[in-house]
Every structure is written in structure tokens, then in C-alpha cells.
Protein backbone atom coordinates (compact mmCIF):
# COMPACT_ATOMS: atom_id res chain seq x y z
CA MET A 1 -17.62 -10.53 -15.21
CA PRO A 2 -20.46 -9.05 -13.06
CA THR A 3 -20.96 -5.44 -12.76
CA ILE A 4 -20.88 -3.16 -9.73
CA GLU A 5 -24.41 -3.36 -9.49
CA GLU A 6 -24.52 -7.15 -9.68
CA ILE A 7 -22.20 -7.29 -6.91
CA ILE A 8 -23.85 -5.19 -4.57
CA LYS A 9 -27.22 -6.25 -5.70
CA THR A 10 -29.05 -3.14 -6.75
CA ARG A 11 -30.63 -1.57 -9.80
CA ARG A 12 -28.40 0.08 -12.62
CA ILE A 13 -26.75 3.25 -11.37
CA GLU A 14 -27.40 6.13 -13.71
CA ASP A 15 -25.13 8.61 -12.50
CA PRO A 16 -21.59 7.64 -13.94
CA TYR A 17 -19.75 9.71 -11.56
CA PHE A 18 -21.31 8.15 -8.37
CA ARG A 19 -21.13 4.62 -10.18
CA ALA A 20 -17.47 5.18 -10.82
CA LEU A 21 -16.84 6.50 -7.47
CA LEU A 22 -18.45 3.44 -5.97
CA ASN A 23 -16.89 1.09 -8.27
CA VAL A 24 -13.08 2.62 -7.33
CA MET A 25 -14.28 2.47 -3.57
CA TYR A 26 -15.29 -1.38 -3.93
CA THR A 27 -12.34 -2.30 -6.04
CA GLY A 28 -9.98 -0.57 -3.65
CA ASN A 29 -11.26 -2.67 -0.84
CA TRP A 30 -11.40 -5.98 -2.88
CA MET A 31 -7.40 -5.44 -3.63
CA TYR A 32 -6.95 -4.61 -0.08
CA ARG A 33 -8.31 -7.80 1.04
CA ARG A 34 -6.30 -9.90 -1.36
CA ILE A 35 -2.95 -8.08 -0.01
CA ASP A 36 -4.22 -8.69 3.27
CA ASN A 37 -4.62 -12.42 2.81
CA ILE A 38 -1.20 -12.67 1.33
CA LEU A 39 0.39 -10.45 4.39
CA LYS A 40 -1.51 -12.16 7.15
CA PRO A 41 0.92 -15.39 7.46
CA PHE A 42 3.85 -13.00 7.73
CA ASP A 43 2.17 -11.07 10.44
CA LEU A 44 2.19 -7.95 8.54
CA THR A 45 -0.43 -5.55 7.53
CA GLU A 46 -0.67 -3.67 4.59
CA PRO A 47 0.52 -0.33 6.03
CA GLN A 48 3.30 -2.05 7.72
CA TYR A 49 4.43 -3.61 4.17
CA ASN A 50 4.07 -0.02 2.76
CA ILE A 51 6.52 1.48 5.30
CA LEU A 52 8.93 -1.43 4.47
CA ARG A 53 8.59 -0.55 0.78
CA ILE A 54 9.13 3.08 1.38
CA LEU A 55 12.38 2.16 3.48
CA ARG A 56 13.96 -0.18 1.10
CA GLY A 57 13.51 2.57 -1.64
CA GLN A 58 15.82 4.54 0.80
CA ASN A 59 18.63 2.57 -0.35
CA GLY A 60 20.12 2.04 3.20
CA ASN A 61 19.33 5.79 4.09
CA ALA A 62 17.43 6.78 7.21
CA VAL A 63 14.20 8.60 6.96
CA GLY A 64 12.01 10.25 9.68
CA LEU A 65 8.34 9.55 10.76
CA PHE A 66 6.85 12.60 8.83
CA GLU A 67 8.47 11.47 5.44
CA ILE A 68 7.19 8.15 5.73
CA GLN A 69 3.73 9.09 6.72
CA ASN A 70 3.65 11.37 3.83
CA ARG A 71 4.66 8.88 1.28
CA MET A 72 2.21 6.13 2.55
CA VAL A 73 -0.55 4.87 0.48
CA GLN A 74 -2.97 4.92 3.25
CA GLN A 75 -1.78 7.97 5.14
CA MET A 76 -2.77 7.65 8.86
CA SER A 77 -1.59 9.18 12.14
CA ASN A 78 -0.60 6.02 13.75
CA VAL A 79 2.71 5.75 11.89
CA SER A 80 4.66 5.57 15.13
CA ARG A 81 2.53 2.64 16.47
CA LEU A 82 3.31 0.90 12.83
CA VAL A 83 6.89 1.72 13.36
CA GLU A 84 6.96 0.26 16.59
CA LYS A 85 5.59 -2.98 15.53
CA LEU A 86 8.03 -3.33 12.81
CA TYR A 87 10.96 -2.41 15.35
CA VAL A 88 9.58 -5.32 17.70
CA LYS A 89 9.70 -7.76 14.46
CA GLU A 90 13.50 -6.46 14.01
CA TYR A 91 12.29 -5.63 10.42
CA ILE A 92 13.59 -1.68 11.17
CA LYS A 93 16.09 0.10 13.33
CA ARG A 94 15.34 3.41 14.86
CA ALA A 95 18.01 5.99 15.81
CA GLU A 96 17.59 9.44 17.62
CA CYS A 97 18.53 12.09 14.94
CA ALA A 98 21.69 13.70 15.89
CA GLU A 99 20.58 17.29 14.75
CA ASN A 100 17.06 17.08 16.32
CA ARG A 101 16.66 14.96 19.38
CA ARG A 102 12.87 14.92 18.67
CA LYS A 103 13.29 13.29 15.24
CA VAL A 104 13.93 9.69 14.93
CA ASP A 105 15.51 8.26 11.90
CA ILE A 106 14.26 4.83 10.70
CA ILE A 107 16.16 2.30 8.34
CA ILE A 108 15.31 -1.08 7.42
CA THR A 109 17.10 -4.17 8.40
CA GLN A 110 18.32 -7.26 6.75
CA GLN A 111 15.43 -9.19 8.30
CA GLY A 112 13.05 -6.44 6.76
CA LEU A 113 14.74 -6.78 3.28
CA ASP A 114 14.48 -10.57 3.62
CA VAL A 115 10.83 -10.52 4.46
CA LEU A 116 10.10 -8.27 1.38
CA LYS A 117 11.92 -10.61 -0.89
CA THR A 118 9.54 -13.69 0.29
CA VAL A 119 6.47 -11.36 0.10
CA ASP A 120 7.02 -9.38 -3.07
CA PRO A 121 6.61 -12.19 -5.63
CA LEU A 122 3.47 -13.42 -3.89
CA ILE A 123 1.85 -10.08 -4.36
CA ASP A 124 3.23 -9.93 -7.89
CA LYS A 125 1.63 -13.21 -8.58
CA GLU A 126 -1.40 -12.37 -7.07
CA PHE A 127 -1.73 -9.10 -9.20
CA ALA A 128 -0.43 -10.64 -12.37
CA THR A 129 -4.07 -11.69 -13.11
CA LEU A 130 -4.64 -7.95 -13.76
CA GLY A 131 -2.73 -8.28 -16.71
CA GLU A 132 -5.13 -10.83 -17.83
CA ASN A 133 -8.24 -8.67 -17.59
CA ILE A 134 -6.87 -5.61 -18.89
CA GLY A 135 -4.19 -4.60 -21.09
CA LYS A 136 -1.32 -2.44 -20.58
CA GLU A 137 -3.01 0.31 -22.30
CA ASP A 138 -5.96 0.38 -20.29
CA ALA A 139 -4.03 -0.02 -17.15
CA ALA A 140 -2.15 3.43 -18.12
CA LEU A 141 -5.41 4.93 -18.96
CA LEU A 142 -7.10 3.67 -15.46
CA ALA A 143 -3.83 5.17 -13.60
CA ASP A 144 -4.20 8.59 -15.33
CA LEU A 145 -7.70 8.93 -14.85
CA LEU A 146 -7.29 8.10 -11.27
CA ASP A 147 -4.75 10.74 -11.12
CA LYS A 148 -7.29 13.14 -12.68
CA ILE A 149 -10.08 12.41 -10.29
CA ARG A 150 -7.42 13.50 -7.57
CA GLY A 151 -6.83 16.71 -9.44
CA GLU A 152 -3.25 16.58 -8.66
């Protein structure tokens, strides 16, 4: 398995913090590209997929744009545009909130649930290889270390 230095064709990075940061960034982009390749045939982006998963987790309850944005893996300011694209694909429904007309309630449709049923196994299969490269204990340690990096 090549090291990060071999991949980016540089000499050994001596600073362990910088080496770790560079490796996290490279690996994150590597994983993003793999997910993107799976989603492309379904005309979905990773942020759109993330929104659908958030909405599915609501178990039929509506949620607002601000809440979706706060829960996204890649928090971005263009959630309204992403939601609009999902609406056009009929994966979600929007409704003006009765209590606050400026707020829009969003809920996943059956078509949205159906596309997740198709896509999720493909993503799971793609990343099942992680289990071949590192064990559950290492995966748990990695997740804990990444939490520590963020200091949250």
C-alpha cells in the first residue's frame, strides 16, 4: 500500500501533524470521488445524497433548511439550490410552514426513499473494502482520533 508521500510524489514528510493533515485531506477527497462515481448515474451529488439521508432519518417528519444545513457533512450555503434540484427530481416535497411563512418544511417522497434503497447498497459495497484494509478496532480508533482533531 503506497504512502501519502509516494502518492503525491514527495520526500518523507517529517512533521507528523502536517503528514496526518495532508493524509486526511487526500483520503477524504479519495473517498468523495468514489462516492461521486457511484452517484453520478443517478444524477445525484454527494451533498444531495446527504440531504436525502437526513430527510429519511426524520421518519416522515418535515425539517427546515437551516436544520438540514446544520446536519450536513459538507456544510454549505447553497442548501436551497440543492433542495430545489431534489424537488425538481420529485425526491422531496416542500411546504410553507404554517407558523412562520418564511420557513419551508421539507420532507422526503417515496421516490426519494426508492432512490436511497437503490444507492445505499452500492455505497455499502464500495466501502466494504475498508473492512478488508483496517479492522473494527482501528476504524473506531480512527473515528475517535478525528473527533479529537476537531476538538469537539
